Amino acid sequence: GAASVLGHLGKRSDAIRLEVLQWLEQ
């Protein structure tokens, strides 16, 4: 569920996309 919501948020916001991808990398 968290992955799904974050995926949708990341599509709408460059800042959230970057935050999510950095977290996943770390």
PDB file of all heavy atoms in Angstrom:
ATOM      1  N   GLY A   1       0.816  -1.209   0.000  1.00  0.00           N
ATOM      2  CA  GLY A   1       0.000   0.000   0.000  1.00  0.00           C
ATOM      3  C   GLY A   1       0.847   1.256   0.000  1.00  0.00           C
ATOM      4  O   GLY A   1       0.570   2.208  -0.740  1.00  0.00           O
ATOM      5  N   ALA A   2       1.887   1.265   0.823  1.00  0.00           N
ATOM      6  CA  ALA A   2       2.772   2.432   0.877  1.00  0.00           C
ATOM      7  C   ALA A   2       3.475   2.632  -0.463  1.00  0.00           C
ATOM      8  O   ALA A   2       3.599   3.760  -0.951  1.00  0.00           O
ATOM      9  CB  ALA A   2       3.795   2.260   1.994  1.00  0.00           C
ATOM     10  N   ALA A   3       3.917   1.542  -1.070  1.00  0.00           N
ATOM     11  CA  ALA A   3       4.577   1.625  -2.378  1.00  0.00           C
ATOM     12  C   ALA A   3       3.632   2.191  -3.422  1.00  0.00           C
ATOM     13  O   ALA A   3       4.018   3.026  -4.249  1.00  0.00           O
ATOM     14  CB  ALA A   3       5.091   0.251  -2.803  1.00  0.00           C
ATOM     15  N   SER A   4       2.398   1.761  -3.383  1.00  0.00           N
ATOM     16  CA  SER A   4       1.409   2.235  -4.343  1.00  0.00           C
ATOM     17  C   SER A   4       1.154   3.735  -4.195  1.00  0.00           C
ATOM     18  O   SER A   4       1.155   4.487  -5.171  1.00  0.00           O
ATOM     19  CB  SER A   4       0.111   1.453  -4.166  1.00  0.00           C
ATOM     20  OG  SER A   4      -0.883   1.924  -5.031  1.00  0.00           O
ATOM     21  N   VAL A   5       0.938   4.171  -2.959  1.00  0.00           N
ATOM     22  CA  VAL A   5       0.672   5.593  -2.713  1.00  0.00           C
ATOM     23  C   VAL A   5       1.885   6.435  -3.096  1.00  0.00           C
ATOM     24  O   VAL A   5       1.758   7.468  -3.756  1.00  0.00           O
ATOM     25  CB  VAL A   5       0.280   5.822  -1.235  1.00  0.00           C
ATOM     26  CG1 VAL A   5       0.189   7.308  -0.929  1.00  0.00           C
ATOM     27  CG2 VAL A   5      -1.032   5.135  -0.924  1.00  0.00           C
ATOM     28  N   LEU A   6       3.074   5.995  -2.705  1.00  0.00           N
ATOM     29  CA  LEU A   6       4.285   6.747  -3.043  1.00  0.00           C
ATOM     30  C   LEU A   6       4.507   6.797  -4.548  1.00  0.00           C
ATOM     31  O   LEU A   6       4.968   7.810  -5.082  1.00  0.00           O
ATOM     32  CB  LEU A   6       5.501   6.126  -2.347  1.00  0.00           C
ATOM     33  CG  LEU A   6       5.588   6.415  -0.854  1.00  0.00           C
ATOM     34  CD1 LEU A   6       6.583   5.476  -0.197  1.00  0.00           C
ATOM     35  CD2 LEU A   6       5.959   7.869  -0.604  1.00  0.00           C
ATOM     36  N   GLY A   7       4.172   5.728  -5.233  1.00  0.00           N
ATOM     37  CA  GLY A   7       4.293   5.725  -6.693  1.00  0.00           C
ATOM     38  C   GLY A   7       3.411   6.783  -7.321  1.00  0.00           C
ATOM     39  O   GLY A   7       3.848   7.524  -8.213  1.00  0.00           O
ATOM     40  N   HIS A   8       2.184   6.889  -6.849  1.00  0.00           N
ATOM     41  CA  HIS A   8       1.259   7.907  -7.375  1.00  0.00           C
ATOM     42  C   HIS A   8       1.736   9.311  -7.032  1.00  0.00           C
ATOM     43  O   HIS A   8       1.678  10.207  -7.875  1.00  0.00           O
ATOM     44  CB  HIS A   8      -0.156   7.683  -6.839  1.00  0.00           C
ATOM     45  CG  HIS A   8      -0.807   6.462  -7.388  1.00  0.00           C
ATOM     46  ND1 HIS A   8      -1.084   6.281  -8.732  1.00  0.00           N
ATOM     47  CD2 HIS A   8      -1.227   5.332  -6.777  1.00  0.00           C
ATOM     48  CE1 HIS A   8      -1.644   5.110  -8.916  1.00  0.00           C
ATOM     49  NE2 HIS A   8      -1.744   4.505  -7.741  1.00  0.00           N
ATOM     50  N   LEU A   9       2.210   9.501  -5.805  1.00  0.00           N
ATOM     51  CA  LEU A   9       2.703  10.823  -5.407  1.00  0.00           C
ATOM     52  C   LEU A   9       3.934  11.209  -6.219  1.00  0.00           C
ATOM     53  O   LEU A   9       4.090  12.368  -6.599  1.00  0.00           O
ATOM     54  CB  LEU A   9       3.038  10.842  -3.915  1.00  0.00           C
ATOM     55  CG  LEU A   9       1.874  10.741  -2.946  1.00  0.00           C
ATOM     56  CD1 LEU A   9       2.388  10.680  -1.517  1.00  0.00           C
ATOM     57  CD2 LEU A   9       0.921  11.905  -3.123  1.00  0.00           C
ATOM     58  N   GLY A  10       4.794  10.243  -6.454  1.00  0.00           N
ATOM     59  CA  GLY A  10       6.018  10.510  -7.203  1.00  0.00           C
ATOM     60  C   GLY A  10       5.763  10.919  -8.641  1.00  0.00           C
ATOM     61  O   GLY A  10       6.547  11.658  -9.242  1.00  0.00           O
ATOM     62  N   LYS A  11       4.662  10.465  -9.207  1.00  0.00           N
ATOM     63  CA  LYS A  11       4.303  10.857 -10.568  1.00  0.00           C
ATOM     64  C   LYS A  11       3.876  12.315 -10.634  1.00  0.00           C
ATOM     65  O   LYS A  11       4.031  12.964 -11.653  1.00  0.00           O
ATOM     66  CB  LYS A  11       3.168   9.984 -11.099  1.00  0.00           C
ATOM     67  CG  LYS A  11       3.592   8.593 -11.450  1.00  0.00           C
ATOM     68  CD  LYS A  11       2.405   7.814 -11.974  1.00  0.00           C
ATOM     69  CE  LYS A  11       2.796   6.387 -12.280  1.00  0.00           C
ATOM     70  NZ  LYS A  11       1.660   5.608 -12.765  1.00  0.00           N
ATOM     71  N   ARG A  12       3.325  12.820  -9.534  1.00  0.00           N
ATOM     72  CA  ARG A  12       2.795  14.185  -9.521  1.00  0.00           C
ATOM     73  C   ARG A  12       3.798  15.226  -9.061  1.00  0.00           C
ATOM     74  O   ARG A  12       3.587  16.413  -9.271  1.00  0.00           O
ATOM     75  CB  ARG A  12       1.574  14.254  -8.601  1.00  0.00           C
ATOM     76  CG  ARG A  12       0.438  13.381  -9.063  1.00  0.00           C
ATOM     77  CD  ARG A  12      -0.863  13.665  -8.356  1.00  0.00           C
ATOM     78  NE  ARG A  12      -0.788  13.880  -6.930  1.00  0.00           N
ATOM     79  CZ  ARG A  12      -1.509  13.219  -6.040  1.00  0.00           C
ATOM     80  NH1 ARG A  12      -2.345  12.288  -6.431  1.00  0.00           N
ATOM     81  NH2 ARG A  12      -1.413  13.485  -4.759  1.00  0.00           N
ATOM     82  N   SER A  13       4.862  14.807  -8.401  1.00  0.00           N
ATOM     83  CA  SER A  13       5.780  15.768  -7.801  1.00  0.00           C
ATOM     84  C   SER A  13       7.226  15.346  -7.996  1.00  0.00           C
ATOM     85  O   SER A  13       7.621  14.265  -7.554  1.00  0.00           O
ATOM     86  CB  SER A  13       5.475  15.899  -6.303  1.00  0.00           C
ATOM     87  OG  SER A  13       6.513  16.567  -5.635  1.00  0.00           O
ATOM     88  N   ASP A  14       8.004  16.225  -8.618  1.00  0.00           N
ATOM     89  CA  ASP A  14       9.427  15.938  -8.795  1.00  0.00           C
ATOM     90  C   ASP A  14      10.137  15.817  -7.446  1.00  0.00           C
ATOM     91  O   ASP A  14      11.014  14.978  -7.277  1.00  0.00           O
ATOM     92  CB  ASP A  14      10.097  17.028  -9.623  1.00  0.00           C
ATOM     93  CG  ASP A  14       9.670  16.996 -11.081  1.00  0.00           C
ATOM     94  OD1 ASP A  14       9.178  15.944 -11.547  1.00  0.00           O
ATOM     95  OD2 ASP A  14       9.829  18.030 -11.761  1.00  0.00           O
ATOM     96  N   ALA A  15       9.757  16.666  -6.480  1.00  0.00           N
ATOM     97  CA  ALA A  15      10.393  16.631  -5.165  1.00  0.00           C
ATOM     98  C   ALA A  15      10.119  15.302  -4.461  1.00  0.00           C
ATOM     99  O   ALA A  15      11.027  14.710  -3.865  1.00  0.00           O
ATOM    100  CB  ALA A  15       9.900  17.797  -4.311  1.00  0.00           C
ATOM    101  N   ILE A  16       8.884  14.831  -4.530  1.00  0.00           N
ATOM    102  CA  ILE A  16       8.545  13.553  -3.899  1.00  0.00           C
ATOM    103  C   ILE A  16       9.218  12.411  -4.649  1.00  0.00           C
ATOM    104  O   ILE A  16       9.745  11.479  -4.034  1.00  0.00           O
ATOM    105  CB  ILE A  16       7.017  13.360  -3.816  1.00  0.00           C
ATOM    106  CG1 ILE A  16       6.423  14.379  -2.847  1.00  0.00           C
ATOM    107  CG2 ILE A  16       6.667  11.937  -3.385  1.00  0.00           C
ATOM    108  CD1 ILE A  16       4.917  14.379  -2.770  1.00  0.00           C
ATOM    109  N   ARG A  17       9.232  12.478  -5.969  1.00  0.00           N
ATOM    110  CA  ARG A  17       9.902  11.443  -6.766  1.00  0.00           C
ATOM    111  C   ARG A  17      11.361  11.321  -6.340  1.00  0.00           C
ATOM    112  O   ARG A  17      11.860  10.222  -6.097  1.00  0.00           O
ATOM    113  CB  ARG A  17       9.813  11.776  -8.252  1.00  0.00           C
ATOM    114  CG  ARG A  17      10.491  10.744  -9.144  1.00  0.00           C
ATOM    115  CD  ARG A  17      10.437  11.107 -10.628  1.00  0.00           C
ATOM    116  NE  ARG A  17       9.107  11.505 -11.042  1.00  0.00           N
ATOM    117  CZ  ARG A  17       8.805  12.704 -11.533  1.00  0.00           C
ATOM    118  NH1 ARG A  17       9.730  13.621 -11.673  1.00  0.00           N
ATOM    119  NH2 ARG A  17       7.575  12.978 -11.885  1.00  0.00           N
ATOM    120  N   LEU A  18      12.044  12.440  -6.226  1.00  0.00           N
ATOM    121  CA  LEU A  18      13.445  12.431  -5.817  1.00  0.00           C
ATOM    122  C   LEU A  18      13.605  11.874  -4.414  1.00  0.00           C
ATOM    123  O   LEU A  18      14.494  11.059  -4.159  1.00  0.00           O
ATOM    124  CB  LEU A  18      14.027  13.847  -5.897  1.00  0.00           C
ATOM    125  CG  LEU A  18      15.486  13.987  -5.534  1.00  0.00           C
ATOM    126  CD1 LEU A  18      16.351  13.141  -6.469  1.00  0.00           C
ATOM    127  CD2 LEU A  18      15.899  15.446  -5.610  1.00  0.00           C
ATOM    128  N   GLU A  19      12.739  12.285  -3.497  1.00  0.00           N
ATOM    129  CA  GLU A  19      12.776  11.791  -2.121  1.00  0.00           C
ATOM    130  C   GLU A  19      12.603  10.271  -2.079  1.00  0.00           C
ATOM    131  O   GLU A  19      13.341   9.560  -1.391  1.00  0.00           O
ATOM    132  CB  GLU A  19      11.679  12.478  -1.307  1.00  0.00           C
ATOM    133  CG  GLU A  19      11.698  12.173   0.155  1.00  0.00           C
ATOM    134  CD  GLU A  19      12.761  12.944   0.901  1.00  0.00           C
ATOM    135  OE1 GLU A  19      13.187  14.013   0.434  1.00  0.00           O
ATOM    136  OE2 GLU A  19      13.166  12.454   1.966  1.00  0.00           O
ATOM    137  N   VAL A  20      11.642   9.765  -2.825  1.00  0.00           N
ATOM    138  CA  VAL A  20      11.373   8.321  -2.851  1.00  0.00           C
ATOM    139  C   VAL A  20      12.558   7.561  -3.452  1.00  0.00           C
ATOM    140  O   VAL A  20      13.031   6.580  -2.870  1.00  0.00           O
ATOM    141  CB  VAL A  20      10.081   8.011  -3.646  1.00  0.00           C
ATOM    142  CG1 VAL A  20       9.926   6.524  -3.891  1.00  0.00           C
ATOM    143  CG2 VAL A  20       8.863   8.553  -2.910  1.00  0.00           C
ATOM    144  N   LEU A  21      13.041   8.017  -4.580  1.00  0.00           N
ATOM    145  CA  LEU A  21      14.136   7.304  -5.238  1.00  0.00           C
ATOM    146  C   LEU A  21      15.419   7.343  -4.403  1.00  0.00           C
ATOM    147  O   LEU A  21      16.146   6.351  -4.342  1.00  0.00           O
ATOM    148  CB  LEU A  21      14.361   7.862  -6.639  1.00  0.00           C
ATOM    149  CG  LEU A  21      13.196   7.618  -7.601  1.00  0.00           C
ATOM    150  CD1 LEU A  21      13.455   8.278  -8.953  1.00  0.00           C
ATOM    151  CD2 LEU A  21      12.905   6.134  -7.767  1.00  0.00           C
ATOM    152  N   GLN A  22      15.684   8.463  -3.719  1.00  0.00           N
ATOM    153  CA  GLN A  22      16.852   8.524  -2.831  1.00  0.00           C
ATOM    154  C   GLN A  22      16.694   7.561  -1.665  1.00  0.00           C
ATOM    155  O   GLN A  22      17.636   6.881  -1.280  1.00  0.00           O
ATOM    156  CB  GLN A  22      17.054   9.946  -2.311  1.00  0.00           C
ATOM    157  CG  GLN A  22      17.625  10.887  -3.336  1.00  0.00           C
ATOM    158  CD  GLN A  22      17.748  12.307  -2.809  1.00  0.00           C
ATOM    159  OE1 GLN A  22      17.136  12.689  -1.816  1.00  0.00           O
ATOM    160  NE2 GLN A  22      18.542  13.105  -3.506  1.00  0.00           N
ATOM    161  N   TRP A  23      15.491   7.503  -1.090  1.00  0.00           N
ATOM    162  CA  TRP A  23      15.257   6.596   0.027  1.00  0.00           C
ATOM    163  C   TRP A  23      15.451   5.150  -0.413  1.00  0.00           C
ATOM    164  O   TRP A  23      16.077   4.358   0.277  1.00  0.00           O
ATOM    165  CB  TRP A  23      13.852   6.795   0.596  1.00  0.00           C
ATOM    166  CG  TRP A  23      13.633   6.031   1.871  1.00  0.00           C
ATOM    167  CD1 TRP A  23      13.824   6.479   3.133  1.00  0.00           C
ATOM    168  CD2 TRP A  23      13.216   4.670   1.988  1.00  0.00           C
ATOM    169  NE1 TRP A  23      13.543   5.489   4.031  1.00  0.00           N
ATOM    170  CE2 TRP A  23      13.168   4.363   3.362  1.00  0.00           C
ATOM    171  CE3 TRP A  23      12.879   3.677   1.072  1.00  0.00           C
ATOM    172  CZ2 TRP A  23      12.791   3.119   3.841  1.00  0.00           C
ATOM    173  CZ3 TRP A  23      12.505   2.422   1.551  1.00  0.00           C
ATOM    174  CH2 TRP A  23      12.465   2.160   2.917  1.00  0.00           C
ATOM    175  N   LEU A  24      14.913   4.815  -1.581  1.00  0.00           N
ATOM    176  CA  LEU A  24      15.043   3.443  -2.081  1.00  0.00           C
ATOM    177  C   LEU A  24      16.507   3.092  -2.311  1.00  0.00           C
ATOM    178  O   LEU A  24      16.940   1.979  -2.010  1.00  0.00           O
ATOM    179  CB  LEU A  24      14.242   3.272  -3.375  1.00  0.00           C
ATOM    180  CG  LEU A  24      12.722   3.362  -3.229  1.00  0.00           C
ATOM    181  CD1 LEU A  24      12.073   3.402  -4.594  1.00  0.00           C
ATOM    182  CD2 LEU A  24      12.183   2.224  -2.390  1.00  0.00           C
ATOM    183  N   GLU A  25      17.256   4.033  -2.824  1.00  0.00           N
ATOM    184  CA  GLU A  25      18.683   3.802  -3.071  1.00  0.00           C
ATOM    185  C   GLU A  25      19.451   3.615  -1.767  1.00  0.00           C
ATOM    186  O   GLU A  25      20.367   2.801  -1.686  1.00  0.00           O
ATOM    187  CB  GLU A  25      19.249   4.990  -3.845  1.00  0.00           C
ATOM    188  CG  GLU A  25      20.680   4.809  -4.275  1.00  0.00           C
ATOM    189  CD  GLU A  25      21.135   5.982  -5.120  1.00  0.00           C
ATOM    190  OE1 GLU A  25      21.637   6.975  -4.536  1.00  0.00           O
ATOM    191  OE2 GLU A  25      20.977   5.913  -6.341  1.00  0.00           O
ATOM    192  N   GLN A  26      19.082   4.349  -0.736  1.00  0.00           N
ATOM    193  CA  GLN A  26      19.778   4.289   0.551  1.00  0.00           C
ATOM    194  C   GLN A  26      19.330   3.124   1.425  1.00  0.00           C
ATOM    195  O   GLN A  26      19.957   2.834   2.435  1.00  0.00           O
ATOM    196  CB  GLN A  26      19.570   5.599   1.319  1.00  0.00           C
ATOM    197  CG  GLN A  26      20.215   6.782   0.655  1.00  0.00           C
ATOM    198  CD  GLN A  26      19.795   8.097   1.281  1.00  0.00           C
ATOM    199  OE1 GLN A  26      18.996   8.130   2.220  1.00  0.00           O
ATOM    200  NE2 GLN A  26      20.324   9.182   0.759  1.00  0.00           N
TER     201      GLN A  26
END
